[in-house]
């Protein structure tokens, strides 16, 4: 009887040991194949089991043990999309727990965007949504109509900043978050300031984009904004060189360098040509940063109507109240252009 009991005990011990060994190998033994401290694994929305396994296979040693663990934990029945972190030395148990519940958000920062196509291309490199789906979302007719926007003015929705998103954010969800951020920015105080200068939030963004392109000097932007607001109040044309540069670049490519606007350029037919058309262009010529927007909302109070680059103080301008005064100050700039042989 004792012999039978011993045999049974040994067999039971071996079975338990075998199960424990199997369990350790399947769930807890290190199964990572990368040398970094951690890697991010991206799982696409709607991934099949094979697609999910393919997305992680390059980061693990034993794919079969991962599949066994995933089936045991019923993960493959409910695959989550997202961006997940796996640490060096993780076993399948930890890997699956991360894939199941630890979708890691990422920060997206953008500024100086000039077209909705450029913006969509940039964002598509950061999240799962591709550029075409983003463009379609941003330019959807019903969406634009609901916010009284056009395909040109929609760029004003996207305020340069750093935002947190999940990698698997859809195009429409990305768009809706940007709308919420826009509405949060345009609080009662800012809307009231916009009304005082006769503009709405979108128009403020359009003017701010011109101000930003006129000068990189943040401290000068309120003065520049004041000039353009003075012109608008007098029903003058804005005659803003940055809009001409924008028109040329839309036609010839945004990587083209333009250091000088020529008289012939002022005759180019375009809704963005503020030398031909009164009022604001149909949309921003760049996504204006917050300093440019605040400059428009809080412009300097003065009677200046004209300005020209100050060659003795790069980045800044000389301001004038009359055309005669402006033409006199303009000579130092045209002389500098000739001396430096700047023809375009």
C-alpha atoms as a PDB file:
ATOM      1  CA  UNK A   1       0.000   0.000   0.000  1.00  0.00           C
ATOM      2  CA  UNK A   2       2.840   2.371   0.916  1.00  0.00           C
ATOM      3  CA  UNK A   3       4.564   1.545  -2.381  1.00  0.00           C
ATOM      4  CA  UNK A   4       1.420   2.446  -4.357  1.00  0.00           C
ATOM      5  CA  UNK A   5       1.084   5.703  -2.414  1.00  0.00           C
ATOM      6  CA  UNK A   6       4.719   6.607  -3.100  1.00  0.00           C
ATOM      7  CA  UNK A   7       4.305   5.917  -6.797  1.00  0.00           C
ATOM      8  CA  UNK A   8       1.129   8.014  -6.876  1.00  0.00           C
ATOM      9  CA  UNK A   9       2.877  10.857  -5.037  1.00  0.00           C
ATOM     10  CA  UNK A  10       5.835  10.782  -7.417  1.00  0.00           C
ATOM     11  CA  UNK A  11       3.548  10.791 -10.451  1.00  0.00           C
ATOM     12  CA  UNK A  12       1.496  13.659  -8.985  1.00  0.00           C
ATOM     13  CA  UNK A  13       4.670  15.609  -8.242  1.00  0.00           C
ATOM     14  CA  UNK A  14       5.927  15.070 -11.783  1.00  0.00           C
ATOM     15  CA  UNK A  15       2.590  16.177 -13.233  1.00  0.00           C
ATOM     16  CA  UNK A  16       2.552  19.296 -11.062  1.00  0.00           C
ATOM     17  CA  UNK A  17       6.180  20.014 -11.932  1.00  0.00           C
ATOM     18  CA  UNK A  18       5.399  19.533 -15.620  1.00  0.00           C
ATOM     19  CA  UNK A  19       2.390  21.839 -15.382  1.00  0.00           C
ATOM     20  CA  UNK A  20       4.425  24.426 -13.467  1.00  0.00           C
ATOM     21  CA  UNK A  21       7.222  24.250 -16.022  1.00  0.00           C
ATOM     22  CA  UNK A  22       4.749  24.573 -18.858  1.00  0.00           C
ATOM     23  CA  UNK A  23       3.005  27.457 -17.133  1.00  0.00           C
ATOM     24  CA  UNK A  24       6.261  29.268 -16.458  1.00  0.00           C
ATOM     25  CA  UNK A  25       7.412  28.863 -20.054  1.00  0.00           C
ATOM     26  CA  UNK A  26       4.078  29.964 -21.498  1.00  0.00           C
ATOM     27  CA  UNK A  27       3.244  32.829 -19.118  1.00  0.00           C
ATOM     28  CA  UNK A  28       6.261  34.067 -17.194  1.00  0.00           C
ATOM     29  CA  UNK A  29       9.499  33.208 -19.008  1.00  0.00           C
ATOM     30  CA  UNK A  30      11.038  36.214 -20.748  1.00  0.00           C
ATOM     31  CA  UNK A  31       9.787  36.297 -24.324  1.00  0.00           C
ATOM     32  CA  UNK A  32      11.142  39.567 -25.702  1.00  0.00           C
ATOM     33  CA  UNK A  33      13.662  39.743 -28.543  1.00  0.00           C
ATOM     34  CA  UNK A  34      14.678  43.418 -28.515  1.00  0.00           C
ATOM     35  CA  UNK A  35      17.694  45.011 -26.829  1.00  0.00           C
ATOM     36  CA  UNK A  36      16.074  48.341 -25.913  1.00  0.00           C
ATOM     37  CA  UNK A  37      14.548  48.930 -22.472  1.00  0.00           C
ATOM     38  CA  UNK A  38      11.094  48.958 -24.067  1.00  0.00           C
ATOM     39  CA  UNK A  39       9.339  49.131 -27.419  1.00  0.00           C
ATOM     40  CA  UNK A  40       5.947  50.331 -28.596  1.00  0.00           C
ATOM     41  CA  UNK A  41       3.685  47.877 -30.369  1.00  0.00           C
ATOM     42  CA  UNK A  42       0.993  49.297 -32.660  1.00  0.00           C
ATOM     43  CA  UNK A  43      -2.185  47.297 -33.180  1.00  0.00           C
ATOM     44  CA  UNK A  44      -4.480  48.560 -35.935  1.00  0.00           C
ATOM     45  CA  UNK A  45      -8.212  48.973 -35.455  1.00  0.00           C
ATOM     46  CA  UNK A  46     -10.141  45.874 -36.525  1.00  0.00           C
ATOM     47  CA  UNK A  47      -7.038  43.681 -36.590  1.00  0.00           C
ATOM     48  CA  UNK A  48      -7.618  39.975 -37.086  1.00  0.00           C
ATOM     49  CA  UNK A  49      -5.795  37.457 -34.907  1.00  0.00           C
ATOM     50  CA  UNK A  50      -3.210  36.876 -37.630  1.00  0.00           C
ATOM     51  CA  UNK A  51      -2.696  40.618 -38.166  1.00  0.00           C
ATOM     52  CA  UNK A  52      -2.288  41.229 -34.442  1.00  0.00           C
ATOM     53  CA  UNK A  53       0.215  38.380 -34.075  1.00  0.00           C
ATOM     54  CA  UNK A  54       2.112  39.671 -37.092  1.00  0.00           C
ATOM     55  CA  UNK A  55       2.380  43.132 -35.508  1.00  0.00           C
ATOM     56  CA  UNK A  56       4.065  41.718 -32.401  1.00  0.00           C
ATOM     57  CA  UNK A  57       6.040  38.817 -33.860  1.00  0.00           C
ATOM     58  CA  UNK A  58       9.184  40.877 -34.495  1.00  0.00           C
ATOM     59  CA  UNK A  59       9.404  41.769 -30.793  1.00  0.00           C
ATOM     60  CA  UNK A  60       9.067  38.283 -29.257  1.00  0.00           C
ATOM     61  CA  UNK A  61      11.140  35.119 -29.322  1.00  0.00           C
ATOM     62  CA  UNK A  62       8.529  32.378 -29.152  1.00  0.00           C
ATOM     63  CA  UNK A  63       5.384  33.171 -31.129  1.00  0.00           C
ATOM     64  CA  UNK A  64       3.778  29.806 -30.356  1.00  0.00           C
ATOM     65  CA  UNK A  65       3.987  30.281 -26.589  1.00  0.00           C
ATOM     66  CA  UNK A  66       2.508  33.768 -26.985  1.00  0.00           C
ATOM     67  CA  UNK A  67      -0.430  32.364 -28.937  1.00  0.00           C
ATOM     68  CA  UNK A  68      -1.012  29.690 -26.272  1.00  0.00           C
ATOM     69  CA  UNK A  69      -0.971  32.299 -23.509  1.00  0.00           C
ATOM     70  CA  UNK A  70      -3.197  34.666 -25.506  1.00  0.00           C
ATOM     71  CA  UNK A  71      -5.776  31.914 -26.135  1.00  0.00           C
ATOM     72  CA  UNK A  72      -5.714  30.837 -22.476  1.00  0.00           C
ATOM     73  CA  UNK A  73      -6.286  34.445 -21.327  1.00  0.00           C
ATOM     74  CA  UNK A  74      -8.912  34.875 -24.100  1.00  0.00           C
ATOM     75  CA  UNK A  75      -7.105  37.939 -25.406  1.00  0.00           C
ATOM     76  CA  UNK A  76      -7.437  36.945 -29.052  1.00  0.00           C
ATOM     77  CA  UNK A  77     -11.207  37.062 -28.654  1.00  0.00           C
ATOM     78  CA  UNK A  78     -11.109  40.762 -27.809  1.00  0.00           C
ATOM     79  CA  UNK A  79      -8.117  42.437 -29.476  1.00  0.00           C
ATOM     80  CA  UNK A  80      -7.649  46.096 -28.577  1.00  0.00           C
ATOM     81  CA  UNK A  81      -6.339  48.683 -31.019  1.00  0.00           C
ATOM     82  CA  UNK A  82      -3.726  51.164 -29.863  1.00  0.00           C
ATOM     83  CA  UNK A  83      -0.123  51.888 -28.949  1.00  0.00           C
ATOM     84  CA  UNK A  84       1.174  49.597 -26.242  1.00  0.00           C
ATOM     85  CA  UNK A  85       4.450  49.413 -24.349  1.00  0.00           C
ATOM     86  CA  UNK A  86       6.382  46.169 -23.809  1.00  0.00           C
ATOM     87  CA  UNK A  87       9.396  46.090 -21.517  1.00  0.00           C
ATOM     88  CA  UNK A  88      12.559  44.097 -22.074  1.00  0.00           C
ATOM     89  CA  UNK A  89      12.315  40.761 -20.251  1.00  0.00           C
ATOM     90  CA  UNK A  90       8.510  40.668 -20.113  1.00  0.00           C
ATOM     91  CA  UNK A  91       6.837  37.292 -20.230  1.00  0.00           C
ATOM     92  CA  UNK A  92       3.688  36.601 -22.199  1.00  0.00           C
ATOM     93  CA  UNK A  93       1.486  37.299 -19.187  1.00  0.00           C
ATOM     94  CA  UNK A  94       2.774  40.853 -18.820  1.00  0.00           C
ATOM     95  CA  UNK A  95       2.785  41.392 -22.570  1.00  0.00           C
ATOM     96  CA  UNK A  96      -0.863  40.369 -22.866  1.00  0.00           C
ATOM     97  CA  UNK A  97      -1.884  42.446 -19.839  1.00  0.00           C
ATOM     98  CA  UNK A  98      -0.289  45.481 -21.485  1.00  0.00           C
ATOM     99  CA  UNK A  99      -1.950  44.782 -24.837  1.00  0.00           C
ATOM    100  CA  UNK A 100      -5.284  44.363 -23.104  1.00  0.00           C
ATOM    101  CA  UNK A 101      -5.454  47.482 -20.934  1.00  0.00           C
ATOM    102  CA  UNK A 102      -2.513  49.873 -21.326  1.00  0.00           C
ATOM    103  CA  UNK A 103      -3.087  51.904 -24.470  1.00  0.00           C
ATOM    104  CA  UNK A 104      -0.420  54.609 -24.150  1.00  0.00           C
ATOM    105  CA  UNK A 105      -1.385  58.140 -25.334  1.00  0.00           C
ATOM    106  CA  UNK A 106       1.083  60.295 -27.240  1.00  0.00           C
ATOM    107  CA  UNK A 107       1.678  64.029 -27.523  1.00  0.00           C
ATOM    108  CA  UNK A 108       1.240  65.762 -30.868  1.00  0.00           C
ATOM    109  CA  UNK A 109       2.712  69.220 -31.395  1.00  0.00           C
ATOM    110  CA  UNK A 110       2.150  71.265 -34.529  1.00  0.00           C
ATOM    111  CA  UNK A 111       2.712  74.816 -35.757  1.00  0.00           C
ATOM    112  CA  UNK A 112       3.443  76.748 -38.930  1.00  0.00           C
ATOM    113  CA  UNK A 113       1.057  74.647 -41.054  1.00  0.00           C
ATOM    114  CA  UNK A 114       0.098  76.263 -44.363  1.00  0.00           C
ATOM    115  CA  UNK A 115      -2.524  73.987 -45.931  1.00  0.00           C
ATOM    116  CA  UNK A 116      -5.029  71.389 -44.818  1.00  0.00           C
ATOM    117  CA  UNK A 117      -3.207  68.854 -47.006  1.00  0.00           C
ATOM    118  CA  UNK A 118       0.080  69.548 -45.242  1.00  0.00           C
ATOM    119  CA  UNK A 119      -1.630  69.289 -41.871  1.00  0.00           C
ATOM    120  CA  UNK A 120      -3.315  65.982 -42.745  1.00  0.00           C
ATOM    121  CA  UNK A 121      -0.034  64.528 -43.985  1.00  0.00           C
ATOM    122  CA  UNK A 122       1.747  65.547 -40.793  1.00  0.00           C
ATOM    123  CA  UNK A 123      -0.947  64.165 -38.464  1.00  0.00           C
ATOM    124  CA  UNK A 124      -1.192  60.891 -40.406  1.00  0.00           C
ATOM    125  CA  UNK A 125       2.425  60.195 -39.420  1.00  0.00           C
ATOM    126  CA  UNK A 126       1.458  60.496 -35.751  1.00  0.00           C
ATOM    127  CA  UNK A 127      -1.801  58.536 -35.507  1.00  0.00           C
ATOM    128  CA  UNK A 128      -3.449  55.578 -37.193  1.00  0.00           C
ATOM    129  CA  UNK A 129      -5.745  57.617 -39.475  1.00  0.00           C
ATOM    130  CA  UNK A 130      -4.281  58.136 -42.951  1.00  0.00           C
ATOM    131  CA  UNK A 131      -3.991  61.521 -44.652  1.00  0.00           C
ATOM    132  CA  UNK A 132      -6.894  60.918 -47.034  1.00  0.00           C
ATOM    133  CA  UNK A 133      -9.337  60.094 -44.239  1.00  0.00           C
ATOM    134  CA  UNK A 134      -8.178  63.192 -42.358  1.00  0.00           C
ATOM    135  CA  UNK A 135      -8.636  65.441 -45.395  1.00  0.00           C
ATOM    136  CA  UNK A 136     -12.093  63.986 -46.000  1.00  0.00           C
ATOM    137  CA  UNK A 137     -13.029  64.558 -42.370  1.00  0.00           C
ATOM    138  CA  UNK A 138     -11.717  68.132 -42.255  1.00  0.00           C
ATOM    139  CA  UNK A 139     -13.430  69.095 -45.520  1.00  0.00           C
ATOM    140  CA  UNK A 140     -16.712  67.229 -45.056  1.00  0.00           C
ATOM    141  CA  UNK A 141     -19.463  69.548 -46.331  1.00  0.00           C
ATOM    142  CA  UNK A 142     -21.883  68.869 -43.470  1.00  0.00           C
ATOM    143  CA  UNK A 143     -19.149  69.456 -40.902  1.00  0.00           C
ATOM    144  CA  UNK A 144     -18.047  72.718 -42.531  1.00  0.00           C
ATOM    145  CA  UNK A 145     -21.638  73.912 -42.849  1.00  0.00           C
ATOM    146  CA  UNK A 146     -22.371  73.180 -39.185  1.00  0.00           C
ATOM    147  CA  UNK A 147     -19.566  75.548 -38.137  1.00  0.00           C
ATOM    148  CA  UNK A 148     -20.033  78.073 -40.940  1.00  0.00           C
ATOM    149  CA  UNK A 149     -16.584  77.261 -42.334  1.00  0.00           C
ATOM    150  CA  UNK A 150     -15.133  76.712 -45.794  1.00  0.00           C
ATOM    151  CA  UNK A 151     -12.352  74.452 -47.020  1.00  0.00           C
ATOM    152  CA  UNK A 152     -10.070  77.497 -46.831  1.00  0.00           C
ATOM    153  CA  UNK A 153     -11.073  78.767 -43.382  1.00  0.00           C
ATOM    154  CA  UNK A 154     -11.182  75.356 -41.653  1.00  0.00           C
ATOM    155  CA  UNK A 155      -7.439  75.637 -41.010  1.00  0.00           C
ATOM    156  CA  UNK A 156      -8.262  78.266 -38.373  1.00  0.00           C
ATOM    157  CA  UNK A 157      -9.659  75.494 -36.138  1.00  0.00           C
ATOM    158  CA  UNK A 158      -6.230  74.032 -35.517  1.00  0.00           C
ATOM    159  CA  UNK A 159      -4.493  76.090 -32.865  1.00  0.00           C
ATOM    160  CA  UNK A 160      -0.757  75.351 -32.618  1.00  0.00           C
ATOM    161  CA  UNK A 161      -0.033  73.648 -29.317  1.00  0.00           C
ATOM    162  CA  UNK A 162       0.734  70.232 -27.833  1.00  0.00           C
ATOM    163  CA  UNK A 163      -2.215  67.849 -27.545  1.00  0.00           C
ATOM    164  CA  UNK A 164      -2.618  64.340 -26.142  1.00  0.00           C
ATOM    165  CA  UNK A 165      -4.156  61.662 -28.357  1.00  0.00           C
ATOM    166  CA  UNK A 166      -4.397  57.910 -28.437  1.00  0.00           C
ATOM    167  CA  UNK A 167      -2.616  56.530 -31.491  1.00  0.00           C
ATOM    168  CA  UNK A 168      -5.774  54.775 -32.696  1.00  0.00           C
ATOM    169  CA  UNK A 169      -7.799  58.021 -32.748  1.00  0.00           C
ATOM    170  CA  UNK A 170      -9.995  58.120 -35.838  1.00  0.00           C
ATOM    171  CA  UNK A 171     -10.004  61.069 -38.242  1.00  0.00           C
ATOM    172  CA  UNK A 172     -13.422  62.242 -37.060  1.00  0.00           C
ATOM    173  CA  UNK A 173     -12.461  61.928 -33.390  1.00  0.00           C
ATOM    174  CA  UNK A 174      -9.287  63.900 -34.027  1.00  0.00           C
ATOM    175  CA  UNK A 175     -11.347  66.589 -35.733  1.00  0.00           C
ATOM    176  CA  UNK A 176     -13.886  66.748 -32.909  1.00  0.00           C
ATOM    177  CA  UNK A 177     -11.179  67.148 -30.286  1.00  0.00           C
ATOM    178  CA  UNK A 178      -9.708  70.027 -32.252  1.00  0.00           C
ATOM    179  CA  UNK A 179     -13.153  71.659 -32.330  1.00  0.00           C
ATOM    180  CA  UNK A 180     -13.439  71.274 -28.549  1.00  0.00           C
ATOM    181  CA  UNK A 181      -9.989  72.782 -28.044  1.00  0.00           C
ATOM    182  CA  UNK A 182     -10.917  75.681 -30.352  1.00  0.00           C
ATOM    183  CA  UNK A 183     -14.143  76.326 -28.420  1.00  0.00           C
ATOM    184  CA  UNK A 184     -12.295  76.146 -25.097  1.00  0.00           C
ATOM    185  CA  UNK A 185      -9.730  78.670 -26.312  1.00  0.00           C
ATOM    186  CA  UNK A 186     -12.392  81.063 -27.548  1.00  0.00           C
ATOM    187  CA  UNK A 187     -13.856  81.880 -24.163  1.00  0.00           C
ATOM    188  CA  UNK A 188     -16.187  84.813 -23.486  1.00  0.00           C
ATOM    189  CA  UNK A 189     -13.314  87.205 -22.855  1.00  0.00           C
ATOM    190  CA  UNK A 190     -11.607  86.517 -26.195  1.00  0.00           C
ATOM    191  CA  UNK A 191     -14.893  86.551 -28.110  1.00  0.00           C
ATOM    192  CA  UNK A 192     -15.720  89.942 -26.582  1.00  0.00           C
ATOM    193  CA  UNK A 193     -12.308  91.300 -27.617  1.00  0.00           C
ATOM    194  CA  UNK A 194     -12.874  90.014 -31.151  1.00  0.00           C
ATOM    195  CA  UNK A 195     -16.242  91.772 -31.309  1.00  0.00           C
ATOM    196  CA  UNK A 196     -14.651  95.063 -30.247  1.00  0.00           C
ATOM    197  CA  UNK A 197     -12.366  94.990 -33.301  1.00  0.00           C
ATOM    198  CA  UNK A 198     -15.212  93.879 -35.562  1.00  0.00           C
ATOM    199  CA  UNK A 199     -14.045  90.317 -36.168  1.00  0.00           C
ATOM    200  CA  UNK A 200     -15.160  86.804 -35.313  1.00  0.00           C
ATOM    201  CA  UNK A 201     -12.772  84.079 -34.076  1.00  0.00           C
ATOM    202  CA  UNK A 202     -12.093  82.700 -37.559  1.00  0.00           C
ATOM    203  CA  UNK A 203     -11.381  86.176 -38.934  1.00  0.00           C
ATOM    204  CA  UNK A 204      -9.042  86.839 -36.012  1.00  0.00           C
ATOM    205  CA  UNK A 205      -7.110  83.684 -36.935  1.00  0.00           C
ATOM    206  CA  UNK A 206      -6.914  84.755 -40.576  1.00  0.00           C
ATOM    207  CA  UNK A 207      -5.531  88.188 -39.675  1.00  0.00           C
ATOM    208  CA  UNK A 208      -3.216  86.668 -37.058  1.00  0.00           C
ATOM    209  CA  UNK A 209      -1.735  84.398 -39.730  1.00  0.00           C
ATOM    210  CA  UNK A 210      -0.766  87.475 -41.760  1.00  0.00           C
ATOM    211  CA  UNK A 211       0.661  89.222 -38.702  1.00  0.00           C
ATOM    212  CA  UNK A 212       2.730  86.152 -37.874  1.00  0.00           C
ATOM    213  CA  UNK A 213       4.174  85.976 -41.369  1.00  0.00           C
ATOM    214  CA  UNK A 214       4.954  89.704 -41.339  1.00  0.00           C
ATOM    215  CA  UNK A 215       7.257  89.495 -38.343  1.00  0.00           C
ATOM    216  CA  UNK A 216       8.914  86.832 -36.197  1.00  0.00           C
ATOM    217  CA  UNK A 217       9.251  89.440 -33.448  1.00  0.00           C
ATOM    218  CA  UNK A 218       6.501  88.749 -30.913  1.00  0.00           C
ATOM    219  CA  UNK A 219       6.873  92.170 -29.301  1.00  0.00           C
ATOM    220  CA  UNK A 220       6.162  93.899 -32.628  1.00  0.00           C
ATOM    221  CA  UNK A 221       3.085  91.888 -33.543  1.00  0.00           C
ATOM    222  CA  UNK A 222       0.561  94.102 -31.672  1.00  0.00           C
ATOM    223  CA  UNK A 223       1.849  97.095 -33.675  1.00  0.00           C
ATOM    224  CA  UNK A 224       1.564  95.218 -36.986  1.00  0.00           C
ATOM    225  CA  UNK A 225      -1.929  94.054 -35.992  1.00  0.00           C
ATOM    226  CA  UNK A 226      -2.856  97.669 -35.261  1.00  0.00           C
ATOM    227  CA  UNK A 227      -1.779  98.722 -38.757  1.00  0.00           C
ATOM    228  CA  UNK A 228      -3.963  96.115 -40.447  1.00  0.00           C
ATOM    229  CA  UNK A 229      -6.937  96.889 -38.212  1.00  0.00           C
ATOM    230  CA  UNK A 230      -6.514 100.576 -39.082  1.00  0.00           C
ATOM    231  CA  UNK A 231      -6.592  99.679 -42.771  1.00  0.00           C
ATOM    232  CA  UNK A 232      -9.702  97.545 -42.319  1.00  0.00           C
ATOM    233  CA  UNK A 233     -11.491 100.323 -40.434  1.00  0.00           C
ATOM    234  CA  UNK A 234     -10.667 102.749 -43.266  1.00  0.00           C
ATOM    235  CA  UNK A 235     -11.866 100.163 -45.819  1.00  0.00           C
ATOM    236  CA  UNK A 236      -8.409 100.103 -47.356  1.00  0.00           C
ATOM    237  CA  UNK A 237      -6.903  97.022 -48.949  1.00  0.00           C
ATOM    238  CA  UNK A 238      -4.614  95.151 -46.588  1.00  0.00           C
ATOM    239  CA  UNK A 239      -1.834  95.009 -49.192  1.00  0.00           C
ATOM    240  CA  UNK A 240      -0.019  92.360 -47.180  1.00  0.00           C
ATOM    241  CA  UNK A 241       3.070  90.917 -48.853  1.00  0.00           C
ATOM    242  CA  UNK A 242       2.789  87.573 -47.001  1.00  0.00           C
ATOM    243  CA  UNK A 243      -0.467  86.885 -48.839  1.00  0.00           C
ATOM    244  CA  UNK A 244       1.337  87.355 -52.158  1.00  0.00           C
ATOM    245  CA  UNK A 245       4.099  85.007 -51.052  1.00  0.00           C
ATOM    246  CA  UNK A 246       1.398  82.489 -50.100  1.00  0.00           C
ATOM    247  CA  UNK A 247      -0.247  82.778 -53.524  1.00  0.00           C
ATOM    248  CA  UNK A 248       3.074  82.132 -55.265  1.00  0.00           C
ATOM    249  CA  UNK A 249       3.919  79.178 -53.047  1.00  0.00           C
ATOM    250  CA  UNK A 250       0.493  77.603 -53.540  1.00  0.00           C
ATOM    251  CA  UNK A 251       1.280  77.591 -57.238  1.00  0.00           C
ATOM    252  CA  UNK A 252       5.004  76.826 -57.266  1.00  0.00           C
ATOM    253  CA  UNK A 253       5.508  74.846 -54.053  1.00  0.00           C
ATOM    254  CA  UNK A 254       5.818  75.731 -50.387  1.00  0.00           C
ATOM    255  CA  UNK A 255       9.501  74.869 -50.332  1.00  0.00           C
ATOM    256  CA  UNK A 256      10.228  77.768 -52.702  1.00  0.00           C
ATOM    257  CA  UNK A 257      12.225  80.604 -51.102  1.00  0.00           C
ATOM    258  CA  UNK A 258      10.923  84.098 -51.752  1.00  0.00           C
ATOM    259  CA  UNK A 259      12.824  87.039 -50.277  1.00  0.00           C
ATOM    260  CA  UNK A 260      11.251  89.767 -52.388  1.00  0.00           C
ATOM    261  CA  UNK A 261       7.776  90.436 -53.761  1.00  0.00           C
ATOM    262  CA  UNK A 262       7.825  91.961 -57.237  1.00  0.00           C
ATOM    263  CA  UNK A 263       5.335  94.442 -58.693  1.00  0.00           C
ATOM    264  CA  UNK A 264       4.210  91.855 -61.246  1.00  0.00           C
ATOM    265  CA  UNK A 265       3.310  89.519 -58.381  1.00  0.00           C
ATOM    266  CA  UNK A 266       0.761  92.023 -57.106  1.00  0.00           C
ATOM    267  CA  UNK A 267      -1.352  91.404 -60.216  1.00  0.00           C
ATOM    268  CA  UNK A 268      -1.728  87.640 -59.690  1.00  0.00           C
ATOM    269  CA  UNK A 269      -5.404  86.784 -59.624  1.00  0.00           C
ATOM    270  CA  UNK A 270      -6.245  84.982 -56.401  1.00  0.00           C
ATOM    271  CA  UNK A 271      -8.736  85.325 -53.566  1.00  0.00           C
ATOM    272  CA  UNK A 272      -5.671  85.518 -51.294  1.00  0.00           C
ATOM    273  CA  UNK A 273      -4.194  88.530 -53.115  1.00  0.00           C
ATOM    274  CA  UNK A 274      -4.844  91.388 -50.675  1.00  0.00           C
ATOM    275  CA  UNK A 275      -3.479  93.903 -53.186  1.00  0.00           C
ATOM    276  CA  UNK A 276      -6.382  93.137 -55.526  1.00  0.00           C
ATOM    277  CA  UNK A 277      -9.119  92.300 -53.019  1.00  0.00           C
ATOM    278  CA  UNK A 278     -10.461  94.261 -50.088  1.00  0.00           C
ATOM    279  CA  UNK A 279     -10.868  92.653 -46.704  1.00  0.00           C
ATOM    280  CA  UNK A 280      -9.416  89.443 -45.380  1.00  0.00           C
ATOM    281  CA  UNK A 281      -8.406  86.458 -47.525  1.00  0.00           C
ATOM    282  CA  UNK A 282     -10.701  83.396 -47.377  1.00  0.00           C
ATOM    283  CA  UNK A 283      -8.545  81.539 -44.853  1.00  0.00           C
ATOM    284  CA  UNK A 284      -5.327  81.608 -42.827  1.00  0.00           C
ATOM    285  CA  UNK A 285      -2.056  81.561 -44.741  1.00  0.00           C
ATOM    286  CA  UNK A 286      -0.522  79.640 -41.824  1.00  0.00           C
ATOM    287  CA  UNK A 287      -1.779  78.260 -38.522  1.00  0.00           C
ATOM    288  CA  UNK A 288      -1.159  81.319 -36.325  1.00  0.00           C
ATOM    289  CA  UNK A 289       0.419  80.718 -32.950  1.00  0.00           C
ATOM    290  CA  UNK A 290      -1.190  82.057 -29.785  1.00  0.00           C
ATOM    291  CA  UNK A 291       1.064  85.132 -29.635  1.00  0.00           C
ATOM    292  CA  UNK A 292      -0.167  86.233 -33.064  1.00  0.00           C
ATOM    293  CA  UNK A 293      -3.804  85.680 -32.089  1.00  0.00           C
ATOM    294  CA  UNK A 294      -3.311  87.614 -28.847  1.00  0.00           C
ATOM    295  CA  UNK A 295      -1.633  90.408 -30.808  1.00  0.00           C
ATOM    296  CA  UNK A 296      -4.752  90.810 -32.941  1.00  0.00           C
ATOM    297  CA  UNK A 297      -7.021  90.685 -29.895  1.00  0.00           C
ATOM    298  CA  UNK A 298      -4.830  93.170 -28.044  1.00  0.00           C
ATOM    299  CA  UNK A 299      -3.472  95.466 -30.778  1.00  0.00           C
ATOM    300  CA  UNK A 300      -1.436  98.578 -30.158  1.00  0.00           C
ATOM    301  CA  UNK A 301      -3.469 101.759 -30.415  1.00  0.00           C
ATOM    302  CA  UNK A 302      -1.875 104.107 -32.967  1.00  0.00           C
ATOM    303  CA  UNK A 303      -2.506 105.884 -36.275  1.00  0.00           C
ATOM    304  CA  UNK A 304       0.034 104.045 -38.400  1.00  0.00           C
ATOM    305  CA  UNK A 305      -1.148 102.928 -41.832  1.00  0.00           C
ATOM    306  CA  UNK A 306       2.124 101.864 -43.461  1.00  0.00           C
ATOM    307  CA  UNK A 307       5.275  99.986 -42.529  1.00  0.00           C
ATOM    308  CA  UNK A 308       8.455  98.763 -44.184  1.00  0.00           C
ATOM    309  CA  UNK A 309      11.326  96.519 -43.097  1.00  0.00           C
ATOM    310  CA  UNK A 310      13.975  98.243 -40.997  1.00  0.00           C
ATOM    311  CA  UNK A 311      17.308  97.088 -42.458  1.00  0.00           C
ATOM    312  CA  UNK A 312      19.201  98.499 -39.466  1.00  0.00           C
ATOM    313  CA  UNK A 313      17.166  96.341 -37.080  1.00  0.00           C
ATOM    314  CA  UNK A 314      16.521  92.949 -38.763  1.00  0.00           C
ATOM    315  CA  UNK A 315      13.080  91.495 -38.141  1.00  0.00           C
ATOM    316  CA  UNK A 316      11.580  94.841 -37.171  1.00  0.00           C
ATOM    317  CA  UNK A 317       9.815  97.552 -39.181  1.00  0.00           C
ATOM    318  CA  UNK A 318       9.546 101.318 -39.579  1.00  0.00           C
ATOM    319  CA  UNK A 319       5.986 102.660 -39.264  1.00  0.00           C
ATOM    320  CA  UNK A 320       4.355 105.659 -40.910  1.00  0.00           C
ATOM    321  CA  UNK A 321       1.079 107.571 -40.738  1.00  0.00           C
ATOM    322  CA  UNK A 322       1.231 108.978 -44.276  1.00  0.00           C
ATOM    323  CA  UNK A 323       2.251 107.702 -47.687  1.00  0.00           C
ATOM    324  CA  UNK A 324       4.823 110.481 -48.078  1.00  0.00           C
ATOM    325  CA  UNK A 325       6.484 109.486 -44.810  1.00  0.00           C
ATOM    326  CA  UNK A 326       6.305 105.824 -45.807  1.00  0.00           C
ATOM    327  CA  UNK A 327       7.943 106.387 -49.204  1.00  0.00           C
ATOM    328  CA  UNK A 328      10.787 108.251 -47.527  1.00  0.00           C
ATOM    329  CA  UNK A 329      11.399 105.373 -45.092  1.00  0.00           C
ATOM    330  CA  UNK A 330      11.018 102.857 -47.877  1.00  0.00           C
ATOM    331  CA  UNK A 331      14.146 104.121 -49.653  1.00  0.00           C
ATOM    332  CA  UNK A 332      16.472 102.498 -47.121  1.00  0.00           C
ATOM    333  CA  UNK A 333      14.858  99.144 -47.869  1.00  0.00           C
ATOM    334  CA  UNK A 334      14.952  99.374 -51.664  1.00  0.00           C
ATOM    335  CA  UNK A 335      18.585 100.529 -51.446  1.00  0.00           C
ATOM    336  CA  UNK A 336      19.408  97.498 -49.312  1.00  0.00           C
ATOM    337  CA  UNK A 337      17.709  95.173 -51.825  1.00  0.00           C
ATOM    338  CA  UNK A 338      19.823  96.594 -54.657  1.00  0.00           C
ATOM    339  CA  UNK A 339      23.054  96.471 -52.692  1.00  0.00           C
ATOM    340  CA  UNK A 340      22.457  92.826 -51.788  1.00  0.00           C
ATOM    341  CA  UNK A 341      21.236  91.985 -55.310  1.00  0.00           C
ATOM    342  CA  UNK A 342      18.041  90.427 -54.043  1.00  0.00           C
ATOM    343  CA  UNK A 343      15.857  89.966 -57.091  1.00  0.00           C
ATOM    344  CA  UNK A 344      13.456  87.294 -55.771  1.00  0.00           C
END
